[in-house]
Amino acid sequence: MIRLIASDLDGTLLDRDGRISRENREVIREAVARGITFTIVTGRMFQSALPFALELGLDEEQPMICYNGALIKRLSGETLYESCLPPELAQAVAEYGLQRGWTVQVYYDDELYVAEVDQYVEHYAADVNVRINAVGDLMAFIRDGGKKLAKILIAGPPEDSQDRAADLNRVFGSQVEVASSRPRYVEVTSINTNKGRALQWLAGFLGIRQAEVLAVGDNDNDVSMLEVAGTAVAVANASSRAKEAASHVTEPNWKHGVAHAIRELVLFPDKALNS
């Protein structure tokens, strides 16, 4: 029996317009009404994901996983779990990117900080609806007080992301997790910090076995989450790696894939999805 449903946001729960469809919203509310816990698992900041959790009508005590697993926080604002980049390592990663002319975004205390605003920063901020804090000397900002960052994101042309991720893995791979939630983003968190480990922690915290967890995702940063869930579902628009990690494939995000998965695997399990 499924007791915990974990869903990614972008490309999974949200449609092409970045919204939760009526179908997804109603089915999730029905699952919650039956006593099943629903949690959002996202690479986004807490403040960016919170409006969607509130739209679903989730209880303020409900936890949400953000920053690709670096933060687990109740909707009320209570932090349950945090895994930040160590200050010296965060400084090294940020400096490495800045020296190469990359657009470096850092996340501290659930705020977005950059050296200056460029097209990639503007696109990101508009995409996830957050405020930009341009500080000029980003390295001085990070070093001041030895800030512990939840995540560092490198934004740029999609065609450069693979090489940048490989570069970061070559230099820092044994110390960090490098992931991608979208083609234009390369995201860095502390080692052993990913959606899968955070979901395992949350399930344990709630007293739920992994066999009782259903996870839905679409991208490579969802693979770790799909690998640890008892029931792993990829939306039809998912990356090849996400589909390989899934035991089921549902409809694409623009056809209410999350609703289909919950309806057929949780609410009405006699109907099976295509494996």
Protein backbone atom coordinates (compact mmCIF):
# COMPACT_ATOMS: atom_id res chain seq x y z
CA MET A 1 0.00 0.00 0.00
CA ILE A 2 1.29 3.46 -0.91
CA ARG A 3 1.50 5.85 2.05
CA LEU A 4 3.78 8.55 0.61
CA ILE A 5 3.66 10.14 -2.85
CA ALA A 6 6.66 12.24 -3.89
CA SER A 7 6.50 14.34 -7.05
CA ASP A 8 8.94 16.55 -8.87
CA LEU A 9 7.59 19.94 -9.96
CA ASP A 10 8.94 21.22 -13.29
CA GLY A 11 8.27 18.89 -16.19
CA THR A 12 6.29 16.55 -13.94
CA LEU A 13 3.56 18.03 -11.75
CA LEU A 14 3.54 21.36 -13.62
CA ASP A 15 2.28 21.58 -17.19
CA ARG A 16 3.94 23.40 -20.08
CA ASP A 17 2.71 26.73 -18.68
CA GLY A 18 4.21 26.02 -15.27
CA ARG A 19 0.83 25.39 -13.64
CA ILE A 20 -0.84 22.56 -11.74
CA SER A 21 -3.74 21.29 -13.81
CA ARG A 22 -7.19 20.87 -12.30
CA GLU A 23 -6.91 17.11 -12.84
CA ASN A 24 -3.62 16.86 -10.95
CA ARG A 25 -4.88 19.08 -8.15
CA GLU A 26 -8.12 17.14 -7.62
CA VAL A 27 -6.50 13.70 -7.65
CA ILE A 28 -3.78 14.77 -5.20
CA ARG A 29 -6.41 16.22 -2.87
CA GLU A 30 -8.34 12.95 -3.05
CA ALA A 31 -5.21 10.97 -2.16
CA VAL A 32 -4.51 13.28 0.80
CA ALA A 33 -8.12 12.95 1.93
CA ARG A 34 -7.56 9.19 2.10
CA GLY A 35 -4.68 9.70 4.52
CA ILE A 36 -1.80 9.49 2.03
CA THR A 37 1.05 11.96 2.46
CA PHE A 38 1.95 14.00 -0.62
CA THR A 39 5.26 15.84 -0.85
CA ILE A 40 6.91 17.99 -3.49
CA VAL A 41 10.53 17.08 -4.26
CA THR A 42 12.22 19.78 -6.32
CA GLY A 43 15.46 21.50 -7.19
CA ARG A 44 13.72 24.80 -6.58
CA MET A 45 14.09 27.10 -3.60
CA PHE A 46 11.58 26.69 -0.77
CA GLN A 47 10.02 30.10 -1.45
CA SER A 48 9.57 29.20 -5.12
CA ALA A 49 7.93 25.82 -4.44
CA LEU A 50 5.73 26.93 -1.52
CA PRO A 51 2.92 28.53 -3.59
CA PHE A 52 2.30 25.21 -5.37
CA ALA A 53 2.07 23.31 -2.08
CA LEU A 54 -0.39 25.89 -0.78
CA GLU A 55 -2.40 25.66 -3.99
CA LEU A 56 -2.76 21.93 -3.36
CA GLY A 57 -4.15 22.71 0.09
CA LEU A 58 -1.43 20.79 1.91
CA ASP A 59 -1.26 21.08 5.69
CA GLU A 60 1.32 23.47 7.16
CA GLU A 61 2.97 20.54 8.94
CA GLN A 62 3.62 18.86 5.60
CA PRO A 63 7.35 18.64 4.72
CA MET A 64 8.70 19.58 1.29
CA ILE A 65 12.08 18.65 -0.22
CA CYS A 66 13.92 21.51 -1.96
CA TYR A 67 17.31 22.28 -3.52
CA ASN A 68 17.61 18.74 -4.93
CA GLY A 69 17.51 17.33 -1.41
CA ALA A 70 19.61 19.89 0.48
CA LEU A 71 16.62 21.11 2.49
CA ILE A 72 13.54 19.50 4.00
CA LYS A 73 11.19 22.05 5.47
CA ARG A 74 7.60 22.06 6.65
CA LEU A 75 5.25 24.46 4.91
CA SER A 76 5.08 26.29 8.25
CA GLY A 77 8.77 27.14 7.83
CA GLU A 78 10.23 24.66 10.31
CA THR A 79 13.47 23.13 9.01
CA LEU A 80 13.68 19.36 9.52
CA TYR A 81 16.84 18.56 7.57
CA GLU A 82 19.60 20.57 5.92
CA SER A 83 22.76 19.58 4.04
CA CYS A 84 24.66 22.65 2.86
CA LEU A 85 27.92 22.94 0.97
CA PRO A 86 30.85 23.48 3.38
CA PRO A 87 31.95 27.16 3.16
CA GLU A 88 35.43 26.55 1.72
CA LEU A 89 34.10 24.12 -0.88
CA ALA A 90 31.28 26.48 -1.85
CA GLN A 91 33.82 29.25 -2.32
CA ALA A 92 36.02 27.03 -4.48
CA VAL A 93 33.16 25.96 -6.75
CA ALA A 94 31.81 29.49 -7.15
CA GLU A 95 35.26 30.92 -7.86
CA TYR A 96 35.95 28.19 -10.40
CA GLY A 97 32.80 29.12 -12.32
CA LEU A 98 33.33 32.87 -12.11
CA GLN A 99 36.92 32.59 -13.37
CA ARG A 100 35.58 30.88 -16.50
CA GLY A 101 32.98 33.57 -17.13
CA TRP A 102 30.05 31.36 -16.19
CA THR A 103 26.83 32.73 -14.73
CA VAL A 104 27.02 31.60 -11.10
CA GLN A 105 23.94 31.69 -8.88
CA VAL A 106 24.19 30.90 -5.17
CA TYR A 107 21.46 30.17 -2.65
CA TYR A 108 21.73 31.34 0.93
CA ASP A 109 18.95 31.52 3.51
CA ASP A 110 16.42 30.77 0.75
CA GLU A 111 17.43 33.79 -1.32
CA LEU A 112 19.08 33.95 -4.75
CA TYR A 113 22.36 35.87 -5.06
CA VAL A 114 24.41 36.72 -8.15
CA ALA A 115 27.25 39.07 -9.03
CA GLU A 116 25.19 40.82 -11.69
CA VAL A 117 22.01 40.24 -13.62
CA ASP A 118 22.38 38.85 -17.14
CA GLN A 119 19.97 37.16 -19.53
CA TYR A 120 20.37 33.77 -17.87
CA VAL A 121 19.67 35.14 -14.40
CA GLU A 122 16.64 37.04 -15.68
CA HIS A 123 15.30 33.95 -17.41
CA TYR A 124 15.76 31.82 -14.31
CA ALA A 125 14.14 34.34 -11.94
CA ALA A 126 11.16 34.78 -14.25
CA ASP A 127 10.89 31.01 -14.67
CA VAL A 128 10.63 30.29 -10.94
CA ASN A 129 9.23 33.66 -9.79
CA VAL A 130 11.90 34.72 -7.29
CA ARG A 131 13.67 37.95 -6.48
CA ILE A 132 17.26 38.52 -7.63
CA ASN A 133 19.87 39.87 -5.22
CA ALA A 134 22.78 41.29 -7.24
CA VAL A 135 25.73 41.86 -4.88
CA GLY A 136 28.53 42.86 -7.26
CA ASP A 137 31.43 40.98 -5.69
CA LEU A 138 29.89 37.54 -5.28
CA MET A 139 33.01 35.99 -3.80
CA ALA A 140 33.19 38.65 -1.07
CA PHE A 141 29.53 37.99 -0.30
CA ILE A 142 30.10 34.23 0.01
CA ARG A 143 33.24 34.61 2.12
CA ASP A 144 31.64 37.08 4.53
CA GLY A 145 30.80 35.03 7.60
CA GLY A 146 31.69 31.76 5.88
CA LYS A 147 28.23 31.30 4.41
CA LYS A 148 26.88 27.76 4.01
CA LEU A 149 25.12 27.57 0.65
CA ALA A 150 22.26 25.19 -0.07
CA LYS A 151 23.13 25.02 -3.76
CA ILE A 152 25.16 26.61 -6.53
CA LEU A 153 23.62 26.79 -9.99
CA ILE A 154 25.47 27.46 -13.24
CA ALA A 155 23.11 28.88 -15.85
CA GLY A 156 23.97 29.12 -19.53
CA PRO A 157 23.36 27.85 -23.05
CA PRO A 158 21.99 24.28 -23.06
CA GLU A 159 24.69 23.19 -25.48
CA ASP A 160 27.38 24.09 -22.89
CA SER A 161 25.81 22.37 -19.89
CA GLN A 162 27.13 18.88 -20.51
CA ASP A 163 30.72 20.06 -20.81
CA ARG A 164 30.38 22.28 -17.73
CA ALA A 165 28.94 19.41 -15.68
CA ALA A 166 31.79 17.16 -16.80
CA ASP A 167 34.30 19.88 -15.91
CA LEU A 168 32.83 20.30 -12.41
CA ASN A 169 32.74 16.55 -11.90
CA ARG A 170 36.39 16.27 -12.95
CA VAL A 171 37.53 18.96 -10.51
CA PHE A 172 35.11 18.56 -7.60
CA GLY A 173 33.34 15.26 -8.27
CA SER A 174 34.52 13.47 -5.14
CA GLN A 175 33.27 16.35 -2.96
CA VAL A 176 29.97 17.40 -4.54
CA GLU A 177 26.87 16.20 -6.34
CA VAL A 178 26.45 17.61 -9.85
CA ALA A 179 22.97 17.39 -11.37
CA SER A 180 20.75 18.99 -13.98
CA SER A 181 17.05 19.79 -13.66
CA ARG A 182 16.82 21.48 -17.05
CA PRO A 183 19.14 21.59 -20.09
CA ARG A 184 20.36 25.11 -19.29
CA TYR A 185 21.15 24.48 -15.61
CA VAL A 186 24.01 22.67 -13.88
CA GLU A 187 23.39 22.35 -10.13
CA VAL A 188 25.91 21.64 -7.39
CA THR A 189 25.07 20.42 -3.88
CA SER A 190 27.11 18.83 -1.12
CA ILE A 191 28.27 15.24 -1.54
CA ASN A 192 25.59 12.58 -0.97
CA THR A 193 22.91 15.26 -1.23
CA ASN A 194 20.27 14.37 -3.78
CA LYS A 195 16.55 13.78 -4.05
CA GLY A 196 16.87 10.08 -3.34
CA ARG A 197 18.71 10.45 -0.03
CA ALA A 198 16.34 13.21 1.08
CA LEU A 199 13.31 11.07 0.22
CA GLN A 200 14.78 8.15 2.18
CA TRP A 201 15.33 10.43 5.16
CA LEU A 202 11.79 11.81 4.97
CA ALA A 203 10.20 8.37 4.67
CA GLY A 204 12.15 7.23 7.73
CA PHE A 205 11.17 10.37 9.63
CA LEU A 206 7.50 9.68 8.85
CA GLY A 207 7.80 5.99 9.70
CA ILE A 208 7.09 4.91 6.13
CA ARG A 209 8.86 2.02 4.43
CA GLN A 210 10.43 2.58 1.00
CA ALA A 211 8.07 -0.04 -0.43
CA GLU A 212 5.23 2.29 0.56
CA VAL A 213 6.64 5.23 -1.43
CA LEU A 214 5.60 6.24 -4.95
CA ALA A 215 7.81 8.79 -6.74
CA VAL A 216 7.17 10.61 -10.02
CA GLY A 217 9.81 12.47 -12.00
CA ASP A 218 11.03 13.54 -15.41
CA ASN A 219 14.70 14.46 -15.39
CA ASP A 220 18.16 13.19 -14.52
CA ASN A 221 18.09 14.82 -11.08
CA ASP A 222 15.03 12.65 -10.32
CA VAL A 223 16.87 9.37 -10.96
CA SER A 224 18.09 8.96 -7.37
CA MET A 225 14.53 9.48 -6.12
CA LEU A 226 13.10 6.97 -8.58
CA GLU A 227 15.76 4.43 -7.61
CA VAL A 228 14.82 4.43 -3.91
CA ALA A 229 11.03 4.52 -4.26
CA GLY A 230 9.08 1.29 -4.03
CA THR A 231 7.06 2.40 -7.04
CA ALA A 232 8.90 4.62 -9.54
CA VAL A 233 7.02 6.48 -12.26
CA ALA A 234 8.39 8.58 -15.11
CA VAL A 235 6.19 10.89 -17.13
CA ALA A 236 6.22 10.21 -20.87
CA ASN A 237 8.26 13.38 -21.51
CA ALA A 238 11.01 12.20 -19.14
CA SER A 239 14.69 11.86 -19.99
CA SER A 240 15.97 8.46 -21.02
CA ARG A 241 17.79 8.05 -17.69
CA ALA A 242 14.63 8.79 -15.73
CA LYS A 243 12.64 6.29 -17.79
CA GLU A 244 15.30 3.64 -17.26
CA ALA A 245 15.09 4.16 -13.50
CA ALA A 246 11.29 3.93 -13.48
CA SER A 247 9.14 0.83 -13.17
CA HIS A 248 6.19 2.58 -14.84
CA VAL A 249 5.67 5.27 -17.48
CA THR A 250 2.61 7.49 -17.30
CA GLU A 251 1.18 10.28 -19.47
CA PRO A 252 3.32 13.39 -20.15
CA ASN A 253 3.15 16.37 -17.81
CA TRP A 254 0.83 18.27 -20.17
CA LYS A 255 -1.65 15.38 -20.03
CA HIS A 256 -1.82 15.25 -16.21
CA GLY A 257 0.68 12.40 -15.82
CA VAL A 258 0.83 12.69 -12.03
CA ALA A 259 -2.95 12.35 -11.78
CA HIS A 260 -2.92 9.29 -14.03
CA ALA A 261 -0.17 7.65 -11.95
CA ILE A 262 -1.91 8.29 -8.62
CA ARG A 263 -5.30 7.23 -9.93
CA GLU A 264 -4.07 3.99 -11.46
CA LEU A 265 -1.40 2.95 -8.96
CA VAL A 266 -2.77 4.30 -5.69
CA LEU A 267 -6.48 5.10 -5.79
CA PHE A 268 -7.54 2.42 -8.27
CA PRO A 269 -4.59 -0.02 -8.38
CA ASP A 270 -6.48 -2.65 -10.41
CA LYS A 271 -5.55 -0.60 -13.47
CA ALA A 272 -1.85 -0.82 -14.32
CA LEU A 273 0.30 1.63 -16.24
CA ASN A 274 2.55 0.51 -19.04
CA SER A 275 5.83 -0.77 -17.60
